[in-house]
Amino acid sequence: MARKRRLKRANLGARFSNYSTYWIGGLLVLALLGVGNWFAHLPTARRASFGSFEPTLEALGAVTADATDAIGLTGRDVAVEYLAPLSKGPLPFGLPQIVNTQKVPKDIQVLKRKGYWVGFSPTLGYPVWSAYAIPVKRVMKWPPERPAFLQDKQVFDSPTPDVYTGSGYDRGHMAPNYAIATGYGRIAQRETFLMTNIAPQRPDLNRGPWRILEQKLADDLSSIGDTVYVLVCTVPDASGAWLKKGRVRIPKGFAMIVAAVHDRQLRVFGIYMPQETASSKRPRYCFCSVRALEEATGLNFFPNLSPTLQDAVEIPEANRFWPRWEVF
C-alpha cells in the first residue's frame, strides 16, 4: 500500500510538472506575441530604433496584429468627421498640387483614363502621381491575361517599353492591373499598360510588398462597403540615375495615400516604400504620415479640404489598415 501511494504521488508530481511546463511555455508564447503586437503598433521611426531586432519583432507582430486590427481591437486610424458630398472621379478631395518645383517638374500632363487618372512628367519619363477609385462592386472576379506594354500615342515622345529592357528595373504600374481590371473591365486594364502609367521599380519591391498592398486594398479594404480612393506617387531623387537609354529617371521610392468616407468619417492613411524595400517586408510596417509624404513628394494631396481638416488627416500617422468589423 505504501508503495502504491508513493507511485501515485510520483505520477501526480510528474503530471503537475508536465502541466507546469505547458503553462509556462504557453504563457511565454503569449508574452512574445504580446510584445510583437505592441511593436507592430509603434510609430515607424520608433521601430527602426530597434536595429537588428526589428525583423524578428516584425515577424512576431505579424502573427496577431493583422487579425486584432481587422476586428478593431488594436491599432489607430486617422479619421475626421466629413459630411461634404463626394464628386465623381478618383480625386474627390482635389487634384494634387505642386508646392515644390525643385522636386516636381512643371510639365505635368493630366491624362484621364477609363479607370484612373495620371499626372505624367515628360521630363522624368514617368508619372508623378496616379489616382484611382476602387468601386464597391466589381465587374469581374479576376483580371484577364496581361496585355503587352505599349507606348502612349497620345503623349509626345512617350517612353517605349524597351527602355526598361536589361535595366534591372521592372515596369512598375502606378494604377495597378488587378484593381483596375476587376473594377472597370478589359479596356481599362489595357490602359494600365500604357507607358505613361509606368515607373521604374525594383523587382523585390514590385513583386513583393507593393503587389501585396495593391491586392489588399482591392480585396480587403473595399469590403467596408464604400468607394476607396487611392493616390499613388513617386518620390523623386534629384541626384538619381537614369535607365540605360536615358529616357526615364529612377525615383527614390513610392508612396500611397488611401482615403474613404465611411459612416460620415473620412479615413486616411499613408504608405511609403523606398526602392530598397525587401521582398519580405510586410506593408503594415510601411505606414507614414501624409504630411511626411507631401514633404517627400513636393505635392499637396488634399487641396479641397480646409487647413484644419488637412492638419487633422495629414499630421497623425495611422498604424493599421481599417478594420473590417469592429468589436468596440
C-alpha atoms as a PDB file:
ATOM      1  CA  MET A   1       0.000   0.000   0.000  1.00  0.00           C
ATOM      2  CA  ALA A   2       2.751   2.397   0.924  1.00  0.00           C
ATOM      3  CA  ARG A   3       4.488   1.653  -2.373  1.00  0.00           C
ATOM      4  CA  LYS A   4       1.273   2.313  -4.300  1.00  0.00           C
ATOM      5  CA  ARG A   5       0.855   5.618  -2.509  1.00  0.00           C
ATOM      6  CA  ARG A   6       4.442   6.586  -3.354  1.00  0.00           C
ATOM      7  CA  LEU A   7       3.885   5.673  -7.023  1.00  0.00           C
ATOM      8  CA  LYS A   8       0.628   7.618  -7.075  1.00  0.00           C
ATOM      9  CA  ARG A   9       2.324  10.675  -5.589  1.00  0.00           C
ATOM     10  CA  ALA A  10       5.157  10.346  -8.126  1.00  0.00           C
ATOM     11  CA  ASN A  11       2.685  10.148 -11.022  1.00  0.00           C
ATOM     12  CA  LEU A  12       0.798  13.171  -9.739  1.00  0.00           C
ATOM     13  CA  GLY A  13       4.069  15.064  -9.374  1.00  0.00           C
ATOM     14  CA  ALA A  14       5.082  14.160 -12.924  1.00  0.00           C
ATOM     15  CA  ARG A  15       1.710  15.272 -14.293  1.00  0.00           C
ATOM     16  CA  PHE A  16       1.902  18.527 -12.370  1.00  0.00           C
ATOM     17  CA  SER A  17       5.418  19.083 -13.683  1.00  0.00           C
ATOM     18  CA  ASN A  18       4.227  18.467 -17.262  1.00  0.00           C
ATOM     19  CA  TYR A  19       1.254  20.807 -16.830  1.00  0.00           C
ATOM     20  CA  SER A  20       3.547  23.466 -15.371  1.00  0.00           C
ATOM     21  CA  THR A  21       5.859  23.154 -18.361  1.00  0.00           C
ATOM     22  CA  TYR A  22       2.924  23.532 -20.745  1.00  0.00           C
ATOM     23  CA  TRP A  23       1.563  26.516 -18.848  1.00  0.00           C
ATOM     24  CA  ILE A  24       4.944  28.239 -18.677  1.00  0.00           C
ATOM     25  CA  GLY A  25       5.547  27.553 -22.366  1.00  0.00           C
ATOM     26  CA  GLY A  26       2.094  28.818 -23.273  1.00  0.00           C
ATOM     27  CA  LEU A  27       2.488  31.974 -21.197  1.00  0.00           C
ATOM     28  CA  LEU A  28       5.891  32.598 -22.760  1.00  0.00           C
ATOM     29  CA  VAL A  29       4.427  32.296 -26.260  1.00  0.00           C
ATOM     30  CA  LEU A  30       1.573  34.666 -25.345  1.00  0.00           C
ATOM     31  CA  ALA A  31       4.065  37.139 -23.886  1.00  0.00           C
ATOM     32  CA  LEU A  32       6.173  37.066 -27.047  1.00  0.00           C
ATOM     33  CA  LEU A  33       3.098  37.551 -29.230  1.00  0.00           C
ATOM     34  CA  GLY A  34       2.016  40.424 -26.995  1.00  0.00           C
ATOM     35  CA  VAL A  35       5.410  42.088 -27.376  1.00  0.00           C
ATOM     36  CA  GLY A  36       5.201  41.606 -31.139  1.00  0.00           C
ATOM     37  CA  ASN A  37       1.713  43.108 -31.270  1.00  0.00           C
ATOM     38  CA  TRP A  38       2.885  46.082 -29.202  1.00  0.00           C
ATOM     39  CA  PHE A  39       5.867  46.542 -31.525  1.00  0.00           C
ATOM     40  CA  ALA A  40       3.649  46.380 -34.612  1.00  0.00           C
ATOM     41  CA  HIS A  41       1.761  49.487 -33.478  1.00  0.00           C
ATOM     42  CA  LEU A  42       4.769  51.665 -32.691  1.00  0.00           C
ATOM     43  CA  PRO A  43       5.486  54.627 -34.986  1.00  0.00           C
ATOM     44  CA  THR A  44       7.704  53.751 -37.938  1.00  0.00           C
ATOM     45  CA  ALA A  45      10.642  55.815 -36.674  1.00  0.00           C
ATOM     46  CA  ARG A  46      10.466  54.169 -33.248  1.00  0.00           C
ATOM     47  CA  ARG A  47      10.501  50.652 -34.727  1.00  0.00           C
ATOM     48  CA  ALA A  48      13.616  51.490 -36.715  1.00  0.00           C
ATOM     49  CA  SER A  49      15.455  52.278 -33.468  1.00  0.00           C
ATOM     50  CA  PHE A  50      15.415  48.557 -32.554  1.00  0.00           C
ATOM     51  CA  GLY A  51      18.139  47.910 -35.113  1.00  0.00           C
ATOM     52  CA  SER A  52      18.933  44.258 -35.767  1.00  0.00           C
ATOM     53  CA  PHE A  53      15.985  43.130 -33.612  1.00  0.00           C
ATOM     54  CA  GLU A  54      13.480  44.839 -35.911  1.00  0.00           C
ATOM     55  CA  PRO A  55      12.964  41.935 -38.404  1.00  0.00           C
ATOM     56  CA  THR A  56      12.368  39.430 -35.582  1.00  0.00           C
ATOM     57  CA  LEU A  57       9.917  41.717 -33.826  1.00  0.00           C
ATOM     58  CA  GLU A  58       8.161  42.417 -37.133  1.00  0.00           C
ATOM     59  CA  ALA A  59       7.670  38.691 -37.663  1.00  0.00           C
ATOM     60  CA  LEU A  60       6.258  38.287 -34.142  1.00  0.00           C
ATOM     61  CA  GLY A  61       3.879  41.208 -34.584  1.00  0.00           C
ATOM     62  CA  ALA A  62       2.599  39.954 -37.898  1.00  0.00           C
ATOM     63  CA  VAL A  63       1.253  36.788 -36.252  1.00  0.00           C
ATOM     64  CA  THR A  64      -1.515  38.632 -34.413  1.00  0.00           C
ATOM     65  CA  ALA A  65      -1.538  42.329 -35.352  1.00  0.00           C
ATOM     66  CA  ASP A  66      -3.360  41.979 -38.680  1.00  0.00           C
ATOM     67  CA  ALA A  67      -6.081  39.881 -37.038  1.00  0.00           C
ATOM     68  CA  THR A  68      -6.582  42.108 -33.992  1.00  0.00           C
ATOM     69  CA  ASP A  69      -6.572  45.193 -36.217  1.00  0.00           C
ATOM     70  CA  ALA A  70      -9.123  43.654 -38.585  1.00  0.00           C
ATOM     71  CA  ILE A  71     -11.686  43.258 -35.810  1.00  0.00           C
ATOM     72  CA  GLY A  72     -10.946  46.668 -34.296  1.00  0.00           C
ATOM     73  CA  LEU A  73      -9.246  45.513 -31.083  1.00  0.00           C
ATOM     74  CA  THR A  74      -5.917  47.215 -31.790  1.00  0.00           C
ATOM     75  CA  GLY A  75      -4.490  49.960 -33.922  1.00  0.00           C
ATOM     76  CA  ARG A  76      -5.242  53.597 -34.608  1.00  0.00           C
ATOM     77  CA  ASP A  77      -6.993  55.149 -37.588  1.00  0.00           C
ATOM     78  CA  VAL A  78      -6.670  58.702 -38.785  1.00  0.00           C
ATOM     79  CA  ALA A  79     -10.273  59.845 -39.129  1.00  0.00           C
ATOM     80  CA  VAL A  80     -12.289  63.078 -39.022  1.00  0.00           C
ATOM     81  CA  GLU A  81     -15.962  63.882 -39.461  1.00  0.00           C
ATOM     82  CA  TYR A  82     -16.738  64.560 -43.120  1.00  0.00           C
ATOM     83  CA  LEU A  83     -20.215  65.499 -44.363  1.00  0.00           C
ATOM     84  CA  ALA A  84     -19.486  67.063 -47.759  1.00  0.00           C
ATOM     85  CA  PRO A  85     -20.702  65.291 -50.926  1.00  0.00           C
ATOM     86  CA  LEU A  86     -18.088  63.388 -52.919  1.00  0.00           C
ATOM     87  CA  SER A  87     -17.538  64.455 -56.512  1.00  0.00           C
ATOM     88  CA  LYS A  88     -17.228  61.887 -59.283  1.00  0.00           C
ATOM     89  CA  GLY A  89     -13.818  60.635 -60.333  1.00  0.00           C
ATOM     90  CA  PRO A  90     -10.810  59.302 -58.427  1.00  0.00           C
ATOM     91  CA  LEU A  91      -9.863  62.637 -56.800  1.00  0.00           C
ATOM     92  CA  PRO A  92     -12.844  63.932 -54.778  1.00  0.00           C
ATOM     93  CA  PHE A  93     -10.523  65.792 -52.381  1.00  0.00           C
ATOM     94  CA  GLY A  94      -8.740  67.708 -55.126  1.00  0.00           C
ATOM     95  CA  LEU A  95      -6.128  67.316 -57.839  1.00  0.00           C
ATOM     96  CA  PRO A  96      -2.602  67.035 -56.360  1.00  0.00           C
ATOM     97  CA  GLN A  97      -0.974  70.458 -56.393  1.00  0.00           C
ATOM     98  CA  ILE A  98       2.712  71.187 -56.932  1.00  0.00           C
ATOM     99  CA  VAL A  99       4.177  73.034 -53.946  1.00  0.00           C
ATOM    100  CA  ASN A 100       7.884  72.352 -54.519  1.00  0.00           C
ATOM    101  CA  THR A 101       9.103  72.856 -58.092  1.00  0.00           C
ATOM    102  CA  GLN A 102      12.570  71.642 -57.143  1.00  0.00           C
ATOM    103  CA  LYS A 103      11.070  68.178 -56.691  1.00  0.00           C
ATOM    104  CA  VAL A 104       8.208  68.194 -59.191  1.00  0.00           C
ATOM    105  CA  PRO A 105       8.611  69.473 -62.769  1.00  0.00           C
ATOM    106  CA  LYS A 106       6.033  71.935 -64.078  1.00  0.00           C
ATOM    107  CA  ASP A 107       5.342  69.867 -67.199  1.00  0.00           C
ATOM    108  CA  ILE A 108       2.796  67.530 -65.601  1.00  0.00           C
ATOM    109  CA  GLN A 109       0.217  66.278 -68.117  1.00  0.00           C
ATOM    110  CA  VAL A 110      -3.040  65.074 -66.573  1.00  0.00           C
ATOM    111  CA  LEU A 111      -4.364  62.112 -68.577  1.00  0.00           C
ATOM    112  CA  LYS A 112      -7.846  60.803 -67.761  1.00  0.00           C
ATOM    113  CA  ARG A 113      -8.338  57.105 -68.467  1.00  0.00           C
ATOM    114  CA  LYS A 114     -11.334  54.836 -68.046  1.00  0.00           C
ATOM    115  CA  GLY A 115     -10.232  53.502 -64.653  1.00  0.00           C
ATOM    116  CA  TYR A 116      -7.676  56.042 -63.446  1.00  0.00           C
ATOM    117  CA  TRP A 117      -6.155  59.492 -63.859  1.00  0.00           C
ATOM    118  CA  VAL A 118      -2.432  60.042 -64.130  1.00  0.00           C
ATOM    119  CA  GLY A 119      -0.094  63.029 -63.845  1.00  0.00           C
ATOM    120  CA  PHE A 120       2.726  62.219 -66.272  1.00  0.00           C
ATOM    121  CA  SER A 121       6.012  64.136 -66.485  1.00  0.00           C
ATOM    122  CA  PRO A 122       7.817  64.059 -69.867  1.00  0.00           C
ATOM    123  CA  THR A 123      10.903  65.456 -68.124  1.00  0.00           C
ATOM    124  CA  LEU A 124      11.122  62.481 -65.759  1.00  0.00           C
ATOM    125  CA  GLY A 125       9.662  59.947 -68.178  1.00  0.00           C
ATOM    126  CA  TYR A 126       7.302  58.554 -65.548  1.00  0.00           C
ATOM    127  CA  PRO A 127       4.136  59.620 -63.669  1.00  0.00           C
ATOM    128  CA  VAL A 128       4.439  61.894 -60.658  1.00  0.00           C
ATOM    129  CA  TRP A 129       1.101  60.568 -59.472  1.00  0.00           C
ATOM    130  CA  SER A 130      -1.732  58.251 -60.471  1.00  0.00           C
ATOM    131  CA  ALA A 131      -5.195  58.164 -58.902  1.00  0.00           C
ATOM    132  CA  TYR A 132      -7.910  55.522 -58.989  1.00  0.00           C
ATOM    133  CA  ALA A 133     -11.066  54.592 -57.104  1.00  0.00           C
ATOM    134  CA  ILE A 134     -11.840  51.031 -56.058  1.00  0.00           C
ATOM    135  CA  PRO A 135     -15.596  50.598 -56.557  1.00  0.00           C
ATOM    136  CA  VAL A 136     -17.755  48.611 -54.165  1.00  0.00           C
ATOM    137  CA  LYS A 137     -18.935  46.273 -56.929  1.00  0.00           C
ATOM    138  CA  ARG A 138     -16.527  44.606 -59.351  1.00  0.00           C
ATOM    139  CA  VAL A 139     -17.163  43.833 -62.990  1.00  0.00           C
ATOM    140  CA  MET A 140     -15.042  40.655 -62.858  1.00  0.00           C
ATOM    141  CA  LYS A 141     -13.509  38.450 -60.167  1.00  0.00           C
ATOM    142  CA  TRP A 142     -10.077  38.095 -61.730  1.00  0.00           C
ATOM    143  CA  PRO A 143      -8.275  40.064 -64.447  1.00  0.00           C
ATOM    144  CA  PRO A 144      -7.870  38.601 -67.932  1.00  0.00           C
ATOM    145  CA  GLU A 145      -4.461  37.702 -69.329  1.00  0.00           C
ATOM    146  CA  ARG A 146      -1.971  40.547 -69.057  1.00  0.00           C
ATOM    147  CA  PRO A 147      -1.705  42.585 -72.274  1.00  0.00           C
ATOM    148  CA  ALA A 148       1.566  43.915 -73.680  1.00  0.00           C
ATOM    149  CA  PHE A 149       3.077  47.224 -72.549  1.00  0.00           C
ATOM    150  CA  LEU A 150       2.534  49.983 -75.120  1.00  0.00           C
ATOM    151  CA  GLN A 151       3.914  53.409 -75.903  1.00  0.00           C
ATOM    152  CA  ASP A 152       1.275  56.084 -75.264  1.00  0.00           C
ATOM    153  CA  LYS A 153       0.482  57.578 -78.655  1.00  0.00           C
ATOM    154  CA  GLN A 154      -1.454  60.442 -77.020  1.00  0.00           C
ATOM    155  CA  VAL A 155       1.705  61.809 -75.427  1.00  0.00           C
ATOM    156  CA  PHE A 156       4.558  63.242 -77.463  1.00  0.00           C
ATOM    157  CA  ASP A 157       7.789  61.304 -77.027  1.00  0.00           C
ATOM    158  CA  SER A 158       6.253  58.832 -74.553  1.00  0.00           C
ATOM    159  CA  PRO A 159       8.744  56.205 -73.312  1.00  0.00           C
ATOM    160  CA  THR A 160       8.739  52.892 -75.133  1.00  0.00           C
ATOM    161  CA  PRO A 161       8.662  49.531 -73.316  1.00  0.00           C
ATOM    162  CA  ASP A 162      12.179  48.622 -74.484  1.00  0.00           C
ATOM    163  CA  VAL A 163      13.676  51.488 -72.432  1.00  0.00           C
ATOM    164  CA  TYR A 164      13.370  49.188 -69.405  1.00  0.00           C
ATOM    165  CA  THR A 165      14.876  46.127 -71.117  1.00  0.00           C
ATOM    166  CA  GLY A 166      18.039  44.983 -69.329  1.00  0.00           C
ATOM    167  CA  SER A 167      17.866  47.873 -66.839  1.00  0.00           C
ATOM    168  CA  GLY A 168      17.345  45.731 -63.739  1.00  0.00           C
ATOM    169  CA  TYR A 169      14.064  47.529 -63.038  1.00  0.00           C
ATOM    170  CA  ASP A 170      10.509  46.312 -63.552  1.00  0.00           C
ATOM    171  CA  ARG A 171       7.906  48.292 -65.444  1.00  0.00           C
ATOM    172  CA  GLY A 172       6.028  49.195 -62.285  1.00  0.00           C
ATOM    173  CA  HIS A 173       2.335  50.035 -62.574  1.00  0.00           C
ATOM    174  CA  MET A 174       1.168  53.174 -60.811  1.00  0.00           C
ATOM    175  CA  ALA A 175      -2.540  52.407 -61.296  1.00  0.00           C
ATOM    176  CA  PRO A 176      -2.493  48.624 -60.876  1.00  0.00           C
ATOM    177  CA  ASN A 177      -3.581  45.971 -63.335  1.00  0.00           C
ATOM    178  CA  TYR A 178      -5.544  43.926 -60.764  1.00  0.00           C
ATOM    179  CA  ALA A 179      -7.715  46.635 -59.191  1.00  0.00           C
ATOM    180  CA  ILE A 180      -8.461  48.419 -62.466  1.00  0.00           C
ATOM    181  CA  ALA A 181      -9.250  45.255 -64.428  1.00  0.00           C
ATOM    182  CA  THR A 182     -11.591  43.811 -61.780  1.00  0.00           C
ATOM    183  CA  GLY A 183     -13.197  47.178 -61.081  1.00  0.00           C
ATOM    184  CA  TYR A 184     -13.578  48.576 -64.600  1.00  0.00           C
ATOM    185  CA  GLY A 185     -13.051  45.820 -67.178  1.00  0.00           C
ATOM    186  CA  ARG A 186     -10.800  44.788 -70.038  1.00  0.00           C
ATOM    187  CA  ILE A 187     -10.477  48.156 -71.816  1.00  0.00           C
ATOM    188  CA  ALA A 188      -9.481  49.858 -68.570  1.00  0.00           C
ATOM    189  CA  GLN A 189      -6.972  47.091 -67.902  1.00  0.00           C
ATOM    190  CA  ARG A 190      -5.261  47.675 -71.266  1.00  0.00           C
ATOM    191  CA  GLU A 191      -4.855  51.362 -70.414  1.00  0.00           C
ATOM    192  CA  THR A 192      -2.865  50.477 -67.287  1.00  0.00           C
ATOM    193  CA  PHE A 193      -0.210  49.010 -69.611  1.00  0.00           C
ATOM    194  CA  LEU A 194       0.414  52.344 -71.348  1.00  0.00           C
ATOM    195  CA  MET A 195       3.945  53.518 -70.554  1.00  0.00           C
ATOM    196  CA  THR A 196       2.628  56.810 -69.150  1.00  0.00           C
ATOM    197  CA  ASN A 197       1.321  54.736 -66.210  1.00  0.00           C
ATOM    198  CA  ILE A 198       4.678  53.054 -65.598  1.00  0.00           C
ATOM    199  CA  ALA A 199       7.672  53.925 -63.397  1.00  0.00           C
ATOM    200  CA  PRO A 200      10.952  52.073 -62.687  1.00  0.00           C
ATOM    201  CA  GLN A 201      10.526  49.784 -59.702  1.00  0.00           C
ATOM    202  CA  ARG A 202      12.967  47.261 -58.272  1.00  0.00           C
ATOM    203  CA  PRO A 203      11.749  43.669 -58.729  1.00  0.00           C
ATOM    204  CA  ASP A 204      11.793  42.869 -54.982  1.00  0.00           C
ATOM    205  CA  LEU A 205       9.504  45.823 -54.324  1.00  0.00           C
ATOM    206  CA  ASN A 206       7.237  45.449 -57.346  1.00  0.00           C
ATOM    207  CA  ARG A 207       6.670  41.715 -56.956  1.00  0.00           C
ATOM    208  CA  GLY A 208       6.711  41.715 -53.163  1.00  0.00           C
ATOM    209  CA  PRO A 209       5.200  44.173 -50.653  1.00  0.00           C
ATOM    210  CA  TRP A 210       3.917  46.642 -53.267  1.00  0.00           C
ATOM    211  CA  ARG A 211       1.935  43.936 -55.070  1.00  0.00           C
ATOM    212  CA  ILE A 212       0.614  42.601 -51.750  1.00  0.00           C
ATOM    213  CA  LEU A 213      -0.503  46.106 -50.762  1.00  0.00           C
ATOM    214  CA  GLU A 214      -2.293  46.694 -54.076  1.00  0.00           C
ATOM    215  CA  GLN A 215      -4.201  43.441 -53.743  1.00  0.00           C
ATOM    216  CA  LYS A 216      -5.043  44.071 -50.093  1.00  0.00           C
ATOM    217  CA  LEU A 217      -6.629  47.402 -50.997  1.00  0.00           C
ATOM    218  CA  ALA A 218      -8.690  45.840 -53.768  1.00  0.00           C
ATOM    219  CA  ASP A 219      -9.776  42.748 -51.825  1.00  0.00           C
ATOM    220  CA  ASP A 220      -9.901  43.677 -48.140  1.00  0.00           C
ATOM    221  CA  LEU A 221     -10.398  47.420 -47.736  1.00  0.00           C
ATOM    222  CA  SER A 222     -13.079  47.561 -50.404  1.00  0.00           C
ATOM    223  CA  SER A 223     -15.169  45.312 -48.140  1.00  0.00           C
ATOM    224  CA  ILE A 224     -16.028  48.306 -45.917  1.00  0.00           C
ATOM    225  CA  GLY A 225     -18.861  48.982 -48.372  1.00  0.00           C
ATOM    226  CA  ASP A 226     -17.690  52.378 -49.628  1.00  0.00           C
ATOM    227  CA  THR A 227     -15.522  53.509 -52.514  1.00  0.00           C
ATOM    228  CA  VAL A 228     -11.823  53.533 -51.652  1.00  0.00           C
ATOM    229  CA  TYR A 229      -9.738  56.315 -53.210  1.00  0.00           C
ATOM    230  CA  VAL A 230      -6.063  55.604 -53.869  1.00  0.00           C
ATOM    231  CA  LEU A 231      -3.399  58.112 -54.850  1.00  0.00           C
ATOM    232  CA  VAL A 232      -0.039  56.619 -55.844  1.00  0.00           C
ATOM    233  CA  CYS A 233       3.010  58.903 -56.049  1.00  0.00           C
ATOM    234  CA  THR A 234       6.640  58.598 -56.968  1.00  0.00           C
ATOM    235  CA  VAL A 235       9.171  60.071 -54.551  1.00  0.00           C
ATOM    236  CA  PRO A 236      11.750  61.957 -56.649  1.00  0.00           C
ATOM    237  CA  ASP A 237      15.513  61.611 -56.396  1.00  0.00           C
ATOM    238  CA  ALA A 238      17.223  64.791 -57.628  1.00  0.00           C
ATOM    239  CA  SER A 239      20.572  63.019 -57.913  1.00  0.00           C
ATOM    240  CA  GLY A 240      19.060  59.758 -59.120  1.00  0.00           C
ATOM    241  CA  ALA A 241      20.323  57.788 -62.080  1.00  0.00           C
ATOM    242  CA  TRP A 242      18.570  57.220 -65.384  1.00  0.00           C
ATOM    243  CA  LEU A 243      17.669  53.977 -67.049  1.00  0.00           C
ATOM    244  CA  LYS A 244      20.301  52.861 -69.550  1.00  0.00           C
ATOM    245  CA  LYS A 245      18.736  54.580 -72.550  1.00  0.00           C
ATOM    246  CA  GLY A 246      18.430  57.884 -70.691  1.00  0.00           C
ATOM    247  CA  ARG A 247      14.724  58.411 -71.195  1.00  0.00           C
ATOM    248  CA  VAL A 248      13.413  57.651 -67.718  1.00  0.00           C
ATOM    249  CA  ARG A 249      14.749  58.787 -64.347  1.00  0.00           C
ATOM    250  CA  ILE A 250      14.730  56.390 -61.402  1.00  0.00           C
ATOM    251  CA  PRO A 251      12.614  57.556 -58.416  1.00  0.00           C
ATOM    252  CA  LYS A 252      13.746  57.127 -54.836  1.00  0.00           C
ATOM    253  CA  GLY A 253      10.605  55.282 -53.798  1.00  0.00           C
ATOM    254  CA  PHE A 254       6.845  55.036 -53.987  1.00  0.00           C
ATOM    255  CA  ALA A 255       4.098  56.495 -51.798  1.00  0.00           C
ATOM    256  CA  MET A 256       0.423  55.705 -51.461  1.00  0.00           C
ATOM    257  CA  ILE A 257      -2.358  57.748 -49.852  1.00  0.00           C
ATOM    258  CA  VAL A 258      -5.605  55.868 -49.254  1.00  0.00           C
ATOM    259  CA  ALA A 259      -8.905  57.511 -48.280  1.00  0.00           C
ATOM    260  CA  ALA A 260     -12.557  56.578 -47.867  1.00  0.00           C
ATOM    261  CA  VAL A 261     -15.640  58.163 -46.321  1.00  0.00           C
ATOM    262  CA  HIS A 262     -17.293  55.560 -44.101  1.00  0.00           C
ATOM    263  CA  ASP A 263     -20.074  56.288 -41.583  1.00  0.00           C
ATOM    264  CA  ARG A 264     -19.516  60.040 -42.093  1.00  0.00           C
ATOM    265  CA  GLN A 265     -15.859  59.657 -41.215  1.00  0.00           C
ATOM    266  CA  LEU A 266     -13.041  60.474 -43.618  1.00  0.00           C
ATOM    267  CA  ARG A 267     -10.411  57.812 -43.006  1.00  0.00           C
ATOM    268  CA  VAL A 268      -6.904  58.286 -44.374  1.00  0.00           C
ATOM    269  CA  PHE A 269      -3.553  56.536 -44.196  1.00  0.00           C
ATOM    270  CA  GLY A 270      -0.216  56.882 -45.954  1.00  0.00           C
ATOM    271  CA  ILE A 271       2.362  54.289 -47.023  1.00  0.00           C
ATOM    272  CA  TYR A 272       5.963  54.741 -48.135  1.00  0.00           C
ATOM    273  CA  MET A 273       8.243  52.094 -49.646  1.00  0.00           C
ATOM    274  CA  PRO A 274      11.739  53.034 -50.842  1.00  0.00           C
ATOM    275  CA  GLN A 275      13.223  51.219 -53.814  1.00  0.00           C
ATOM    276  CA  GLU A 276      15.409  49.161 -51.456  1.00  0.00           C
ATOM    277  CA  THR A 277      12.401  47.669 -49.621  1.00  0.00           C
ATOM    278  CA  ALA A 278      12.994  43.941 -49.107  1.00  0.00           C
ATOM    279  CA  SER A 279      10.686  41.416 -50.761  1.00  0.00           C
ATOM    280  CA  SER A 280       9.814  40.060 -47.281  1.00  0.00           C
ATOM    281  CA  LYS A 281       8.732  43.441 -45.879  1.00  0.00           C
ATOM    282  CA  ARG A 282       5.109  43.499 -44.745  1.00  0.00           C
ATOM    283  CA  PRO A 283       3.040  46.501 -45.871  1.00  0.00           C
ATOM    284  CA  ARG A 284       1.771  47.075 -42.330  1.00  0.00           C
ATOM    285  CA  TYR A 285       5.297  48.177 -41.373  1.00  0.00           C
ATOM    286  CA  CYS A 286       5.401  50.898 -44.039  1.00  0.00           C
ATOM    287  CA  PHE A 287       2.872  53.389 -42.624  1.00  0.00           C
ATOM    288  CA  CYS A 288       3.811  57.047 -42.926  1.00  0.00           C
ATOM    289  CA  SER A 289       2.003  60.298 -42.197  1.00  0.00           C
ATOM    290  CA  VAL A 290       0.504  62.057 -45.202  1.00  0.00           C
ATOM    291  CA  ARG A 291       2.299  65.267 -44.249  1.00  0.00           C
ATOM    292  CA  ALA A 292       5.662  63.474 -44.416  1.00  0.00           C
ATOM    293  CA  LEU A 293       4.718  62.158 -47.852  1.00  0.00           C
ATOM    294  CA  GLU A 294       3.817  65.668 -49.007  1.00  0.00           C
ATOM    295  CA  GLU A 295       7.257  66.883 -47.964  1.00  0.00           C
ATOM    296  CA  ALA A 296       8.929  63.957 -49.735  1.00  0.00           C
ATOM    297  CA  THR A 297       6.990  64.324 -52.992  1.00  0.00           C
ATOM    298  CA  GLY A 298       6.598  68.112 -53.194  1.00  0.00           C
ATOM    299  CA  LEU A 299       2.820  67.761 -53.608  1.00  0.00           C
ATOM    300  CA  ASN A 300      -0.290  68.822 -51.694  1.00  0.00           C
ATOM    301  CA  PHE A 301      -2.740  65.901 -51.636  1.00  0.00           C
ATOM    302  CA  PHE A 302      -5.948  67.321 -50.111  1.00  0.00           C
ATOM    303  CA  PRO A 303      -6.246  70.858 -51.539  1.00  0.00           C
ATOM    304  CA  ASN A 304     -10.066  70.880 -51.352  1.00  0.00           C
ATOM    305  CA  LEU A 305     -10.058  70.412 -47.567  1.00  0.00           C
ATOM    306  CA  SER A 306      -9.840  73.308 -45.149  1.00  0.00           C
ATOM    307  CA  PRO A 307      -6.429  73.854 -43.477  1.00  0.00           C
ATOM    308  CA  THR A 308      -7.878  72.490 -40.222  1.00  0.00           C
ATOM    309  CA  LEU A 309      -9.097  69.281 -41.842  1.00  0.00           C
ATOM    310  CA  GLN A 310      -5.837  68.911 -43.748  1.00  0.00           C
ATOM    311  CA  ASP A 311      -3.876  69.062 -40.499  1.00  0.00           C
ATOM    312  CA  ALA A 312      -6.240  66.558 -38.870  1.00  0.00           C
ATOM    313  CA  VAL A 313      -5.742  63.879 -41.528  1.00  0.00           C
ATOM    314  CA  GLU A 314      -2.176  64.629 -42.617  1.00  0.00           C
ATOM    315  CA  ILE A 315      -0.170  65.067 -39.419  1.00  0.00           C
ATOM    316  CA  PRO A 316      -1.002  61.854 -37.463  1.00  0.00           C
ATOM    317  CA  GLU A 317       0.412  58.500 -38.567  1.00  0.00           C
ATOM    318  CA  ALA A 318      -2.049  55.603 -38.765  1.00  0.00           C
ATOM    319  CA  ASN A 319      -0.793  52.217 -37.591  1.00  0.00           C
ATOM    320  CA  ARG A 320      -3.374  49.826 -39.010  1.00  0.00           C
ATOM    321  CA  PHE A 321      -5.448  49.145 -42.092  1.00  0.00           C
ATOM    322  CA  TRP A 322      -9.108  49.895 -41.492  1.00  0.00           C
ATOM    323  CA  PRO A 323     -10.910  47.150 -39.532  1.00  0.00           C
ATOM    324  CA  ARG A 324     -13.358  45.024 -41.486  1.00  0.00           C
ATOM    325  CA  TRP A 325     -15.667  44.968 -38.469  1.00  0.00           C
ATOM    326  CA  GLU A 326     -15.302  46.475 -35.029  1.00  0.00           C
ATOM    327  CA  VAL A 327     -15.754  44.853 -31.626  1.00  0.00           C
ATOM    328  CA  PHE A 328     -15.828  48.151 -29.775  1.00  0.00           C
END
